[in-house]
């Protein structure tokens, strides 16, 4: 039984990695993100690279500046992140959008329809 569970976990991990890779490829092919950095504010550009998972166990990959951060639903800090004044905190994941907050400033970032819409 343990070997069957491990196989399922391995398959789920491989599937998530493949979905993430494909989302990045589509993102690169689609051009620059729709969100532009704030003018003169020093805030980095933000965009959602991927949202994956099942049911309530969702993960969001958010690119902040040039770095990718993984947020888990129910956890405010990104995986491996530390709290600080410049840290974006996860407030929620709903549908194709991620809700972040930093120093009282709320941001709602959504996947671009071209990344997940069906293509003919």
PDB file of N, CA and C in Angstrom:
ATOM      1  N   UNK A   1       0.823  -1.194   0.000  1.00  0.00           N
ATOM      2  CA  UNK A   1       0.000   0.000   0.000  1.00  0.00           C
ATOM      3  C   UNK A   1       0.862   1.250   0.000  1.00  0.00           C
ATOM      4  N   UNK A   2       1.943   1.246   0.788  1.00  0.00           N
ATOM      5  CA  UNK A   2       2.804   2.431   0.867  1.00  0.00           C
ATOM      6  C   UNK A   2       3.428   2.740  -0.487  1.00  0.00           C
ATOM      7  N   UNK A   3       3.780   1.705  -1.245  1.00  0.00           N
ATOM      8  CA  UNK A   3       4.385   1.958  -2.558  1.00  0.00           C
ATOM      9  C   UNK A   3       3.371   2.569  -3.516  1.00  0.00           C
ATOM     10  N   UNK A   4       2.093   2.178  -3.407  1.00  0.00           N
ATOM     11  CA  UNK A   4       1.057   2.764  -4.261  1.00  0.00           C
ATOM     12  C   UNK A   4       0.840   4.233  -3.894  1.00  0.00           C
ATOM     13  N   UNK A   5       0.853   4.555  -2.600  1.00  0.00           N
ATOM     14  CA  UNK A   5       0.692   5.942  -2.171  1.00  0.00           C
ATOM     15  C   UNK A   5       1.868   6.785  -2.642  1.00  0.00           C
ATOM     16  N   UNK A   6       3.051   6.239  -2.559  1.00  0.00           N
ATOM     17  CA  UNK A   6       4.227   6.971  -3.008  1.00  0.00           C
ATOM     18  C   UNK A   6       4.141   7.219  -4.504  1.00  0.00           C
ATOM     19  N   UNK A   7       3.683   6.266  -5.255  1.00  0.00           N
ATOM     20  CA  UNK A   7       3.553   6.432  -6.697  1.00  0.00           C
ATOM     21  C   UNK A   7       2.563   7.535  -7.027  1.00  0.00           C
ATOM     22  N   UNK A   8       1.462   7.594  -6.311  1.00  0.00           N
ATOM     23  CA  UNK A   8       0.467   8.641  -6.538  1.00  0.00           C
ATOM     24  C   UNK A   8       1.063  10.002  -6.212  1.00  0.00           C
ATOM     25  N   UNK A   9       1.776  10.078  -5.106  1.00  0.00           N
ATOM     26  CA  UNK A   9       2.420  11.339  -4.737  1.00  0.00           C
ATOM     27  C   UNK A   9       3.433  11.773  -5.796  1.00  0.00           C
ATOM     28  N   UNK A  10       4.210  10.827  -6.259  1.00  0.00           N
ATOM     29  CA  UNK A  10       5.204  11.143  -7.293  1.00  0.00           C
ATOM     30  C   UNK A  10       4.511  11.627  -8.566  1.00  0.00           C
ATOM     31  N   UNK A  11       3.424  10.967  -8.953  1.00  0.00           N
ATOM     32  CA  UNK A  11       2.684  11.381 -10.144  1.00  0.00           C
ATOM     33  C   UNK A  11       2.083  12.777  -9.964  1.00  0.00           C
ATOM     34  N   UNK A  12       1.549  13.053  -8.782  1.00  0.00           N
ATOM     35  CA  UNK A  12       0.978  14.379  -8.523  1.00  0.00           C
ATOM     36  C   UNK A  12       2.072  15.448  -8.583  1.00  0.00           C
ATOM     37  N   UNK A  13       3.242  15.124  -8.037  1.00  0.00           N
ATOM     38  CA  UNK A  13       4.355  16.074  -8.076  1.00  0.00           C
ATOM     39  C   UNK A  13       4.793  16.322  -9.513  1.00  0.00           C
ATOM     40  N   UNK A  14       4.935  15.264 -10.296  1.00  0.00           N
ATOM     41  CA  UNK A  14       5.327  15.415 -11.695  1.00  0.00           C
ATOM     42  C   UNK A  14       4.283  16.204 -12.481  1.00  0.00           C
ATOM     43  N   UNK A  15       3.007  15.938 -12.209  1.00  0.00           N
ATOM     44  CA  UNK A  15       1.930  16.659 -12.891  1.00  0.00           C
ATOM     45  C   UNK A  15       1.961  18.146 -12.552  1.00  0.00           C
ATOM     46  N   UNK A  16       2.197  18.464 -11.286  1.00  0.00           N
ATOM     47  CA  UNK A  16       2.275  19.871 -10.870  1.00  0.00           C
ATOM     48  C   UNK A  16       3.473  20.557 -11.519  1.00  0.00           C
ATOM     49  N   UNK A  17       4.603  19.872 -11.569  1.00  0.00           N
ATOM     50  CA  UNK A  17       5.791  20.452 -12.206  1.00  0.00           C
ATOM     51  C   UNK A  17       5.561  20.684 -13.692  1.00  0.00           C
ATOM     52  N   UNK A  18       4.914  19.742 -14.361  1.00  0.00           N
ATOM     53  CA  UNK A  18       4.616  19.894 -15.792  1.00  0.00           C
ATOM     54  C   UNK A  18       3.667  21.066 -16.013  1.00  0.00           C
ATOM     55  N   UNK A  19       2.639  21.186 -15.187  1.00  0.00           N
ATOM     56  CA  UNK A  19       1.687  22.298 -15.314  1.00  0.00           C
ATOM     57  C   UNK A  19       2.397  23.632 -15.102  1.00  0.00           C
ATOM     58  N   UNK A  20       3.292  23.671 -14.138  1.00  0.00           N
ATOM     59  CA  UNK A  20       4.041  24.900 -13.870  1.00  0.00           C
ATOM     60  C   UNK A  20       4.948  25.262 -15.047  1.00  0.00           C
ATOM     61  N   UNK A  21       5.605  24.263 -15.608  1.00  0.00           N
ATOM     62  CA  UNK A  21       6.491  24.497 -16.760  1.00  0.00           C
ATOM     63  C   UNK A  21       5.690  24.991 -17.960  1.00  0.00           C
ATOM     64  N   UNK A  22       4.540  24.374 -18.210  1.00  0.00           N
ATOM     65  CA  UNK A  22       3.706  24.788 -19.336  1.00  0.00           C
ATOM     66  C   UNK A  22       3.166  26.201 -19.131  1.00  0.00           C
ATOM     67  N   UNK A  23       2.802  26.539 -17.901  1.00  0.00           N
ATOM     68  CA  UNK A  23       2.309  27.893 -17.618  1.00  0.00           C
ATOM     69  C   UNK A  23       3.410  28.917 -17.853  1.00  0.00           C
ATOM     70  N   UNK A  24       4.621  28.587 -17.451  1.00  0.00           N
ATOM     71  CA  UNK A  24       5.738  29.505 -17.690  1.00  0.00           C
ATOM     72  C   UNK A  24       5.992  29.688 -19.179  1.00  0.00           C
ATOM     73  N   UNK A  25       5.912  28.589 -19.945  1.00  0.00           N
ATOM     74  CA  UNK A  25       6.127  28.681 -21.390  1.00  0.00           C
ATOM     75  C   UNK A  25       5.057  29.555 -22.029  1.00  0.00           C
ATOM     76  N   UNK A  26       3.796  29.377 -21.627  1.00  0.00           N
ATOM     77  CA  UNK A  26       2.713  30.210 -22.162  1.00  0.00           C
ATOM     78  C   UNK A  26       2.901  31.657 -21.751  1.00  0.00           C
ATOM     79  N   UNK A  27       3.346  31.864 -20.521  1.00  0.00           N
ATOM     80  CA  UNK A  27       3.579  33.219 -20.032  1.00  0.00           C
ATOM     81  C   UNK A  27       4.676  33.895 -20.844  1.00  0.00           C
ATOM     82  N   UNK A  28       5.761  33.188 -21.101  1.00  0.00           N
ATOM     83  CA  UNK A  28       6.851  33.750 -21.899  1.00  0.00           C
ATOM     84  C   UNK A  28       6.401  34.039 -23.330  1.00  0.00           C
ATOM     85  N   UNK A  29       5.573  33.166 -23.892  1.00  0.00           N
ATOM     86  CA  UNK A  29       5.090  33.357 -25.260  1.00  0.00           C
ATOM     87  C   UNK A  29       4.086  34.507 -25.342  1.00  0.00           C
ATOM     88  N   UNK A  30       3.382  34.781 -24.234  1.00  0.00           N
ATOM     89  CA  UNK A  30       2.350  35.825 -24.226  1.00  0.00           C
ATOM     90  C   UNK A  30       2.930  37.229 -24.130  1.00  0.00           C
ATOM     91  N   UNK A  31       4.187  37.350 -23.768  1.00  0.00           N
ATOM     92  CA  UNK A  31       4.797  38.670 -23.667  1.00  0.00           C
ATOM     93  C   UNK A  31       4.850  39.161 -22.237  1.00  0.00           C
ATOM     94  N   UNK A  32       5.104  40.458 -22.057  1.00  0.00           N
ATOM     95  CA  UNK A  32       5.251  41.004 -20.707  1.00  0.00           C
ATOM     96  C   UNK A  32       3.933  40.958 -19.941  1.00  0.00           C
ATOM     97  N   UNK A  33       4.000  40.929 -18.602  1.00  0.00           N
ATOM     98  CA  UNK A  33       2.780  40.868 -17.791  1.00  0.00           C
ATOM     99  C   UNK A  33       1.941  42.128 -17.964  1.00  0.00           C
ATOM    100  N   UNK A  34       0.638  41.951 -17.713  1.00  0.00           N
ATOM    101  CA  UNK A  34      -0.270  43.088 -17.819  1.00  0.00           C
ATOM    102  C   UNK A  34      -0.044  44.107 -16.711  1.00  0.00           C
ATOM    103  N   UNK A  35       0.346  43.638 -15.533  1.00  0.00           N
ATOM    104  CA  UNK A  35       0.589  44.545 -14.425  1.00  0.00           C
ATOM    105  C   UNK A  35       1.907  45.262 -14.665  1.00  0.00           C
ATOM    106  N   UNK A  36       1.892  46.560 -14.546  1.00  0.00           N
ATOM    107  CA  UNK A  36       3.115  47.345 -14.713  1.00  0.00           C
ATOM    108  C   UNK A  36       3.600  47.785 -13.350  1.00  0.00           C
ATOM    109  N   UNK A  37       4.902  47.952 -13.173  1.00  0.00           N
ATOM    110  CA  UNK A  37       5.384  48.424 -11.881  1.00  0.00           C
ATOM    111  C   UNK A  37       4.880  49.837 -11.608  1.00  0.00           C
ATOM    112  N   UNK A  38       4.686  50.138 -10.346  1.00  0.00           N
ATOM    113  CA  UNK A  38       4.206  51.472  -9.977  1.00  0.00           C
ATOM    114  C   UNK A  38       5.252  52.511 -10.349  1.00  0.00           C
ATOM    115  N   UNK A  39       4.806  53.618 -10.896  1.00  0.00           N
ATOM    116  CA  UNK A  39       5.721  54.665 -11.337  1.00  0.00           C
ATOM    117  C   UNK A  39       6.344  55.357 -10.140  1.00  0.00           C
ATOM    118  N   UNK A  40       7.660  55.274 -10.033  1.00  0.00           N
ATOM    119  CA  UNK A  40       8.387  55.973  -8.997  1.00  0.00           C
ATOM    120  C   UNK A  40       8.178  55.437  -7.594  1.00  0.00           C
ATOM    121  N   UNK A  41       7.304  54.447  -7.412  1.00  0.00           N
ATOM    122  CA  UNK A  41       7.027  53.939  -6.084  1.00  0.00           C
ATOM    123  C   UNK A  41       8.040  52.920  -5.609  1.00  0.00           C
ATOM    124  N   UNK A  42       8.867  52.422  -6.505  1.00  0.00           N
ATOM    125  CA  UNK A  42       9.841  51.431  -6.128  1.00  0.00           C
ATOM    126  C   UNK A  42       9.248  50.057  -5.922  1.00  0.00           C
ATOM    127  N   UNK A  43       7.958  49.875  -6.196  1.00  0.00           N
ATOM    128  CA  UNK A  43       7.335  48.573  -6.047  1.00  0.00           C
ATOM    129  C   UNK A  43       7.686  47.697  -7.239  1.00  0.00           C
ATOM    130  N   UNK A  44       8.020  46.439  -6.986  1.00  0.00           N
ATOM    131  CA  UNK A  44       8.350  45.545  -8.090  1.00  0.00           C
ATOM    132  C   UNK A  44       7.097  45.154  -8.870  1.00  0.00           C
ATOM    133  N   UNK A  45       7.307  44.733 -10.117  1.00  0.00           N
ATOM    134  CA  UNK A  45       6.197  44.231 -10.923  1.00  0.00           C
ATOM    135  C   UNK A  45       5.711  42.920 -10.318  1.00  0.00           C
ATOM    136  N   UNK A  46       4.411  42.714 -10.324  1.00  0.00           N
ATOM    137  CA  UNK A  46       3.800  41.499  -9.775  1.00  0.00           C
ATOM    138  C   UNK A  46       2.964  40.828 -10.845  1.00  0.00           C
ATOM    139  N   UNK A  47       3.008  39.505 -10.905  1.00  0.00           N
ATOM    140  CA  UNK A  47       2.045  38.770 -11.722  1.00  0.00           C
ATOM    141  C   UNK A  47       1.959  37.324 -11.251  1.00  0.00           C
ATOM    142  N   UNK A  48       0.823  36.727 -11.533  1.00  0.00           N
ATOM    143  CA  UNK A  48       0.586  35.338 -11.177  1.00  0.00           C
ATOM    144  C   UNK A  48       1.091  34.473 -12.326  1.00  0.00           C
ATOM    145  N   UNK A  49       2.016  33.585 -12.028  1.00  0.00           N
ATOM    146  CA  UNK A  49       2.536  32.671 -13.048  1.00  0.00           C
ATOM    147  C   UNK A  49       1.658  31.430 -13.141  1.00  0.00           C
ATOM    148  N   UNK A  50       1.134  30.948 -11.994  1.00  0.00           N
ATOM    149  CA  UNK A  50       0.320  29.732 -11.998  1.00  0.00           C
ATOM    150  C   UNK A  50      -0.446  29.599 -10.690  1.00  0.00           C
ATOM    151  N   UNK A  51      -1.582  28.934 -10.786  1.00  0.00           N
ATOM    152  CA  UNK A  51      -2.336  28.497  -9.616  1.00  0.00           C
ATOM    153  C   UNK A  51      -2.597  27.019  -9.845  1.00  0.00           C
ATOM    154  N   UNK A  52      -2.211  26.197  -8.883  1.00  0.00           N
ATOM    155  CA  UNK A  52      -2.424  24.769  -9.067  1.00  0.00           C
ATOM    156  C   UNK A  52      -2.774  24.119  -7.737  1.00  0.00           C
ATOM    157  N   UNK A  53      -3.349  22.942  -7.842  1.00  0.00           N
ATOM    158  CA  UNK A  53      -3.788  22.205  -6.676  1.00  0.00           C
ATOM    159  C   UNK A  53      -5.188  21.683  -6.903  1.00  0.00           C
ATOM    160  N   UNK A  54      -5.760  21.106  -5.849  1.00  0.00           N
ATOM    161  CA  UNK A  54      -7.085  20.514  -5.924  1.00  0.00           C
ATOM    162  C   UNK A  54      -7.902  20.958  -4.721  1.00  0.00           C
ATOM    163  N   UNK A  55      -9.148  21.340  -4.977  1.00  0.00           N
ATOM    164  CA  UNK A  55     -10.046  21.726  -3.892  1.00  0.00           C
ATOM    165  C   UNK A  55      -9.518  22.905  -3.106  1.00  0.00           C
ATOM    166  N   UNK A  56      -9.413  22.735  -1.806  1.00  0.00           N
ATOM    167  CA  UNK A  56      -8.939  23.817  -0.934  1.00  0.00           C
ATOM    168  C   UNK A  56      -7.414  23.832  -0.813  1.00  0.00           C
ATOM    169  N   UNK A  57      -6.742  22.815  -1.350  1.00  0.00           N
ATOM    170  CA  UNK A  57      -5.276  22.744  -1.271  1.00  0.00           C
ATOM    171  C   UNK A  57      -4.679  23.379  -2.516  1.00  0.00           C
ATOM    172  N   UNK A  58      -4.692  24.707  -2.536  1.00  0.00           N
ATOM    173  CA  UNK A  58      -4.203  25.442  -3.690  1.00  0.00           C
ATOM    174  C   UNK A  58      -2.862  26.100  -3.396  1.00  0.00           C
ATOM    175  N   UNK A  59      -2.059  26.205  -4.434  1.00  0.00           N
ATOM    176  CA  UNK A  59      -0.789  26.908  -4.385  1.00  0.00           C
ATOM    177  C   UNK A  59      -0.804  27.946  -5.482  1.00  0.00           C
ATOM    178  N   UNK A  60      -0.201  29.081  -5.224  1.00  0.00           N
ATOM    179  CA  UNK A  60      -0.095  30.129  -6.234  1.00  0.00           C
ATOM    180  C   UNK A  60       1.373  30.491  -6.395  1.00  0.00           C
ATOM    181  N   UNK A  61       1.819  30.512  -7.645  1.00  0.00           N
ATOM    182  CA  UNK A  61       3.174  30.961  -7.937  1.00  0.00           C
ATOM    183  C   UNK A  61       3.069  32.405  -8.397  1.00  0.00           C
ATOM    184  N   UNK A  62       3.639  33.309  -7.603  1.00  0.00           N
ATOM    185  CA  UNK A  62       3.577  34.739  -7.884  1.00  0.00           C
ATOM    186  C   UNK A  62       4.998  35.235  -8.139  1.00  0.00           C
ATOM    187  N   UNK A  63       5.166  35.937  -9.240  1.00  0.00           N
ATOM    188  CA  UNK A  63       6.470  36.511  -9.559  1.00  0.00           C
ATOM    189  C   UNK A  63       6.461  37.956  -9.065  1.00  0.00           C
ATOM    190  N   UNK A  64       7.402  38.249  -8.178  1.00  0.00           N
ATOM    191  CA  UNK A  64       7.555  39.586  -7.615  1.00  0.00           C
ATOM    192  C   UNK A  64       8.924  40.085  -8.056  1.00  0.00           C
ATOM    193  N   UNK A  65       8.911  41.071  -8.936  1.00  0.00           N
ATOM    194  CA  UNK A  65      10.168  41.514  -9.537  1.00  0.00           C
ATOM    195  C   UNK A  65      10.688  40.398 -10.425  1.00  0.00           C
ATOM    196  N   UNK A  66      11.849  39.879 -10.114  1.00  0.00           N
ATOM    197  CA  UNK A  66      12.438  38.784 -10.898  1.00  0.00           C
ATOM    198  C   UNK A  66      12.389  37.461 -10.150  1.00  0.00           C
ATOM    199  N   UNK A  67      11.805  37.447  -8.947  1.00  0.00           N
ATOM    200  CA  UNK A  67      11.801  36.224  -8.129  1.00  0.00           C
ATOM    201  C   UNK A  67      10.426  35.600  -8.044  1.00  0.00           C
ATOM    202  N   UNK A  68      10.412  34.292  -8.099  1.00  0.00           N
ATOM    203  CA  UNK A  68       9.172  33.532  -7.992  1.00  0.00           C
ATOM    204  C   UNK A  68       8.948  33.131  -6.535  1.00  0.00           C
ATOM    205  N   UNK A  69       7.710  33.302  -6.060  1.00  0.00           N
ATOM    206  CA  UNK A  69       7.339  32.950  -4.692  1.00  0.00           C
ATOM    207  C   UNK A  69       6.131  32.021  -4.753  1.00  0.00           C
ATOM    208  N   UNK A  70       6.147  30.981  -3.926  1.00  0.00           N
ATOM    209  CA  UNK A  70       5.038  30.040  -3.853  1.00  0.00           C
ATOM    210  C   UNK A  70       4.247  30.322  -2.577  1.00  0.00           C
ATOM    211  N   UNK A  71       2.954  30.592  -2.749  1.00  0.00           N
ATOM    212  CA  UNK A  71       2.052  30.825  -1.624  1.00  0.00           C
ATOM    213  C   UNK A  71       1.102  29.647  -1.515  1.00  0.00           C
ATOM    214  N   UNK A  72       0.886  29.166  -0.286  1.00  0.00           N
ATOM    215  CA  UNK A  72      -0.055  28.081  -0.026  1.00  0.00           C
ATOM    216  C   UNK A  72      -1.304  28.673   0.610  1.00  0.00           C
ATOM    217  N   UNK A  73      -2.462  28.250   0.098  1.00  0.00           N
ATOM    218  CA  UNK A  73      -3.724  28.725   0.669  1.00  0.00           C
ATOM    219  C   UNK A  73      -3.735  28.438   2.164  1.00  0.00           C
ATOM    220  N   UNK A  74      -4.104  29.445   2.956  1.00  0.00           N
ATOM    221  CA  UNK A  74      -4.151  29.301   4.409  1.00  0.00           C
ATOM    222  C   UNK A  74      -2.868  29.720   5.106  1.00  0.00           C
ATOM    223  N   UNK A  75      -1.807  30.000   4.338  1.00  0.00           N
ATOM    224  CA  UNK A  75      -0.531  30.445   4.902  1.00  0.00           C
ATOM    225  C   UNK A  75      -0.231  31.843   4.367  1.00  0.00           C
ATOM    226  N   UNK A  76      -0.063  32.812   5.234  1.00  0.00           N
ATOM    227  CA  UNK A  76       0.144  34.195   4.801  1.00  0.00           C
ATOM    228  C   UNK A  76       1.495  34.397   4.116  1.00  0.00           C
ATOM    229  N   UNK A  77       2.537  33.777   4.653  1.00  0.00           N
ATOM    230  CA  UNK A  77       3.879  33.967   4.105  1.00  0.00           C
ATOM    231  C   UNK A  77       4.145  32.999   2.953  1.00  0.00           C
ATOM    232  N   UNK A  78       4.984  33.413   2.004  1.00  0.00           N
ATOM    233  CA  UNK A  78       5.362  32.476   0.948  1.00  0.00           C
ATOM    234  C   UNK A  78       6.202  31.347   1.536  1.00  0.00           C
ATOM    235  N   UNK A  79       6.247  30.222   0.862  1.00  0.00           N
ATOM    236  CA  UNK A  79       7.025  29.081   1.323  1.00  0.00           C
ATOM    237  C   UNK A  79       8.484  29.524   1.490  1.00  0.00           C
ATOM    238  N   UNK A  80       9.027  29.325   2.676  1.00  0.00           N
ATOM    239  CA  UNK A  80      10.405  29.700   2.961  1.00  0.00           C
ATOM    240  C   UNK A  80      10.602  31.182   3.209  1.00  0.00           C
ATOM    241  N   UNK A  81       9.525  31.967   3.186  1.00  0.00           N
ATOM    242  CA  UNK A  81       9.626  33.414   3.378  1.00  0.00           C
ATOM    243  C   UNK A  81       9.609  33.801   4.841  1.00  0.00           C
ATOM    244  N   UNK A  82      10.096  34.990   5.114  1.00  0.00           N
ATOM    245  CA  UNK A  82      10.110  35.527   6.468  1.00  0.00           C
ATOM    246  C   UNK A  82       9.327  36.828   6.491  1.00  0.00           C
ATOM    247  N   UNK A  83       8.675  37.079   7.603  1.00  0.00           N
ATOM    248  CA  UNK A  83       7.886  38.303   7.752  1.00  0.00           C
ATOM    249  C   UNK A  83       8.798  39.517   7.781  1.00  0.00           C
ATOM    250  N   UNK A  84       8.349  40.564   7.135  1.00  0.00           N
ATOM    251  CA  UNK A  84       9.096  41.814   7.102  1.00  0.00           C
ATOM    252  C   UNK A  84       8.226  42.894   6.491  1.00  0.00           C
ATOM    253  N   UNK A  85       8.649  44.142   6.587  1.00  0.00           N
ATOM    254  CA  UNK A  85       7.826  45.240   6.072  1.00  0.00           C
ATOM    255  C   UNK A  85       7.634  45.182   4.549  1.00  0.00           C
ATOM    256  N   UNK A  86       8.557  44.567   3.818  1.00  0.00           N
ATOM    257  CA  UNK A  86       8.446  44.495   2.368  1.00  0.00           C
ATOM    258  C   UNK A  86       7.868  43.192   1.862  1.00  0.00           C
ATOM    259  N   UNK A  87       7.426  42.325   2.764  1.00  0.00           N
ATOM    260  CA  UNK A  87       6.912  41.017   2.382  1.00  0.00           C
ATOM    261  C   UNK A  87       5.440  41.083   2.013  1.00  0.00           C
ATOM    262  N   UNK A  88       5.093  40.513   0.870  1.00  0.00           N
ATOM    263  CA  UNK A  88       3.689  40.396   0.490  1.00  0.00           C
ATOM    264  C   UNK A  88       3.093  39.208   1.231  1.00  0.00           C
ATOM    265  N   UNK A  89       1.941  39.415   1.858  1.00  0.00           N
ATOM    266  CA  UNK A  89       1.228  38.369   2.585  1.00  0.00           C
ATOM    267  C   UNK A  89       0.021  37.922   1.780  1.00  0.00           C
ATOM    268  N   UNK A  90      -0.209  36.631   1.760  1.00  0.00           N
ATOM    269  CA  UNK A  90      -1.353  36.080   1.046  1.00  0.00           C
ATOM    270  C   UNK A  90      -2.615  36.296   1.870  1.00  0.00           C
ATOM    271  N   UNK A  91      -3.621  36.893   1.255  1.00  0.00           N
ATOM    272  CA  UNK A  91      -4.916  37.081   1.896  1.00  0.00           C
ATOM    273  C   UNK A  91      -5.943  36.094   1.365  1.00  0.00           C
ATOM    274  N   UNK A  92      -5.687  35.509   0.197  1.00  0.00           N
ATOM    275  CA  UNK A  92      -6.598  34.501  -0.322  1.00  0.00           C
ATOM    276  C   UNK A  92      -6.320  34.157  -1.769  1.00  0.00           C
ATOM    277  N   UNK A  93      -6.856  33.014  -2.173  1.00  0.00           N
ATOM    278  CA  UNK A  93      -6.822  32.564  -3.567  1.00  0.00           C
ATOM    279  C   UNK A  93      -8.266  32.264  -3.926  1.00  0.00           C
ATOM    280  N   UNK A  94      -8.771  32.923  -4.969  1.00  0.00           N
ATOM    281  CA  UNK A  94     -10.156  32.685  -5.380  1.00  0.00           C
ATOM    282  C   UNK A  94     -10.219  32.613  -6.902  1.00  0.00           C
ATOM    283  N   UNK A  95     -10.726  31.505  -7.382  1.00  0.00           N
ATOM    284  CA  UNK A  95     -10.813  31.321  -8.831  1.00  0.00           C
ATOM    285  C   UNK A  95      -9.446  31.420  -9.465  1.00  0.00           C
ATOM    286  N   UNK A  96      -9.272  32.367 -10.376  1.00  0.00           N
ATOM    287  CA  UNK A  96      -7.982  32.552 -11.041  1.00  0.00           C
ATOM    288  C   UNK A  96      -7.241  33.775 -10.509  1.00  0.00           C
ATOM    289  N   UNK A  97      -7.586  34.213  -9.289  1.00  0.00           N
ATOM    290  CA  UNK A  97      -6.960  35.409  -8.716  1.00  0.00           C
ATOM    291  C   UNK A  97      -6.293  35.124  -7.369  1.00  0.00           C
ATOM    292  N   UNK A  98      -5.257  35.903  -7.093  1.00  0.00           N
ATOM    293  CA  UNK A  98      -4.519  35.824  -5.841  1.00  0.00           C
ATOM    294  C   UNK A  98      -4.603  37.197  -5.187  1.00  0.00           C
ATOM    295  N   UNK A  99      -4.914  37.218  -3.898  1.00  0.00           N
ATOM    296  CA  UNK A  99      -5.062  38.471  -3.158  1.00  0.00           C
ATOM    297  C   UNK A  99      -3.895  38.592  -2.180  1.00  0.00           C
ATOM    298  N   UNK A 100      -3.078  39.635  -2.373  1.00  0.00           N
ATOM    299  CA  UNK A 100      -1.908  39.876  -1.544  1.00  0.00           C
ATOM    300  C   UNK A 100      -2.029  41.218  -0.840  1.00  0.00           C
ATOM    301  N   UNK A 101      -1.259  41.357   0.239  1.00  0.00           N
ATOM    302  CA  UNK A 101      -1.230  42.631   0.958  1.00  0.00           C
ATOM    303  C   UNK A 101       0.185  42.878   1.472  1.00  0.00           C
ATOM    304  N   UNK A 102       0.600  44.133   1.405  1.00  0.00           N
ATOM    305  CA  UNK A 102       1.905  44.530   1.943  1.00  0.00           C
ATOM    306  C   UNK A 102       1.756  45.926   2.528  1.00  0.00           C
ATOM    307  N   UNK A 103       2.080  46.068   3.790  1.00  0.00           N
ATOM    308  CA  UNK A 103       2.030  47.364   4.478  1.00  0.00           C
ATOM    309  C   UNK A 103       0.706  48.089   4.231  1.00  0.00           C
ATOM    310  N   UNK A 104      -0.406  47.369   4.341  1.00  0.00           N
ATOM    311  CA  UNK A 104      -1.722  47.971   4.175  1.00  0.00           C
ATOM    312  C   UNK A 104      -2.160  48.175   2.738  1.00  0.00           C
ATOM    313  N   UNK A 105      -1.300  47.888   1.773  1.00  0.00           N
ATOM    314  CA  UNK A 105      -1.625  48.041   0.354  1.00  0.00           C
ATOM    315  C   UNK A 105      -2.071  46.687  -0.206  1.00  0.00           C
ATOM    316  N   UNK A 106      -3.327  46.594  -0.629  1.00  0.00           N
ATOM    317  CA  UNK A 106      -3.860  45.341  -1.171  1.00  0.00           C
ATOM    318  C   UNK A 106      -3.657  45.262  -2.672  1.00  0.00           C
ATOM    319  N   UNK A 107      -3.354  44.066  -3.147  1.00  0.00           N
ATOM    320  CA  UNK A 107      -3.178  43.789  -4.576  1.00  0.00           C
ATOM    321  C   UNK A 107      -4.000  42.551  -4.917  1.00  0.00           C
ATOM    322  N   UNK A 108      -4.732  42.616  -6.014  1.00  0.00           N
ATOM    323  CA  UNK A 108      -5.413  41.445  -6.545  1.00  0.00           C
ATOM    324  C   UNK A 108      -4.812  41.170  -7.910  1.00  0.00           C
ATOM    325  N   UNK A 109      -4.202  40.004  -8.044  1.00  0.00           N
ATOM    326  CA  UNK A 109      -3.546  39.602  -9.280  1.00  0.00           C
ATOM    327  C   UNK A 109      -4.281  38.407  -9.858  1.00  0.00           C
ATOM    328  N   UNK A 110      -4.561  38.453 -11.146  1.00  0.00           N
ATOM    329  CA  UNK A 110      -5.296  37.366 -11.781  1.00  0.00           C
ATOM    330  C   UNK A 110      -4.500  36.797 -12.950  1.00  0.00           C
ATOM    331  N   UNK A 111      -4.697  35.509 -13.190  1.00  0.00           N
ATOM    332  CA  UNK A 111      -4.099  34.889 -14.373  1.00  0.00           C
ATOM    333  C   UNK A 111      -4.700  35.530 -15.607  1.00  0.00           C
ATOM    334  N   UNK A 112      -3.898  35.681 -16.625  1.00  0.00           N
ATOM    335  CA  UNK A 112      -4.423  36.206 -17.883  1.00  0.00           C
ATOM    336  C   UNK A 112      -5.231  35.107 -18.563  1.00  0.00           C
ATOM    337  N   UNK A 113      -6.372  35.443 -19.162  1.00  0.00           N
ATOM    338  CA  UNK A 113      -7.209  34.420 -19.801  1.00  0.00           C
ATOM    339  C   UNK A 113      -6.458  33.588 -20.835  1.00  0.00           C
ATOM    340  N   UNK A 114      -5.489  34.146 -21.513  1.00  0.00           N
ATOM    341  CA  UNK A 114      -4.734  33.407 -22.521  1.00  0.00           C
ATOM    342  C   UNK A 114      -3.955  32.242 -21.944  1.00  0.00           C
ATOM    343  N   UNK A 115      -3.702  32.262 -20.628  1.00  0.00           N
ATOM    344  CA  UNK A 115      -2.943  31.185 -20.009  1.00  0.00           C
ATOM    345  C   UNK A 115      -3.794  29.954 -19.730  1.00  0.00           C
ATOM    346  N   UNK A 116      -5.097  30.150 -19.537  1.00  0.00           N
ATOM    347  CA  UNK A 116      -5.915  28.999 -19.163  1.00  0.00           C
ATOM    348  C   UNK A 116      -7.129  28.798 -20.047  1.00  0.00           C
ATOM    349  N   UNK A 117      -7.425  29.728 -20.939  1.00  0.00           N
ATOM    350  CA  UNK A 117      -8.593  29.591 -21.803  1.00  0.00           C
ATOM    351  C   UNK A 117      -8.364  28.495 -22.842  1.00  0.00           C
ATOM    352  N   UNK A 118      -9.424  27.819 -23.185  1.00  0.00           N
ATOM    353  CA  UNK A 118      -9.344  26.758 -24.198  1.00  0.00           C
ATOM    354  C   UNK A 118      -8.991  27.370 -25.551  1.00  0.00           C
ATOM    355  N   UNK A 119      -8.155  26.664 -26.263  1.00  0.00           N
ATOM    356  CA  UNK A 119      -7.755  27.133 -27.590  1.00  0.00           C
ATOM    357  C   UNK A 119      -8.282  26.168 -28.640  1.00  0.00           C
ATOM    358  N   UNK A 120      -8.694  26.714 -29.805  1.00  0.00           N
ATOM    359  CA  UNK A 120      -9.230  25.832 -30.858  1.00  0.00           C
ATOM    360  C   UNK A 120      -8.171  24.929 -31.441  1.00  0.00           C
TER     361      UNK A 120
END
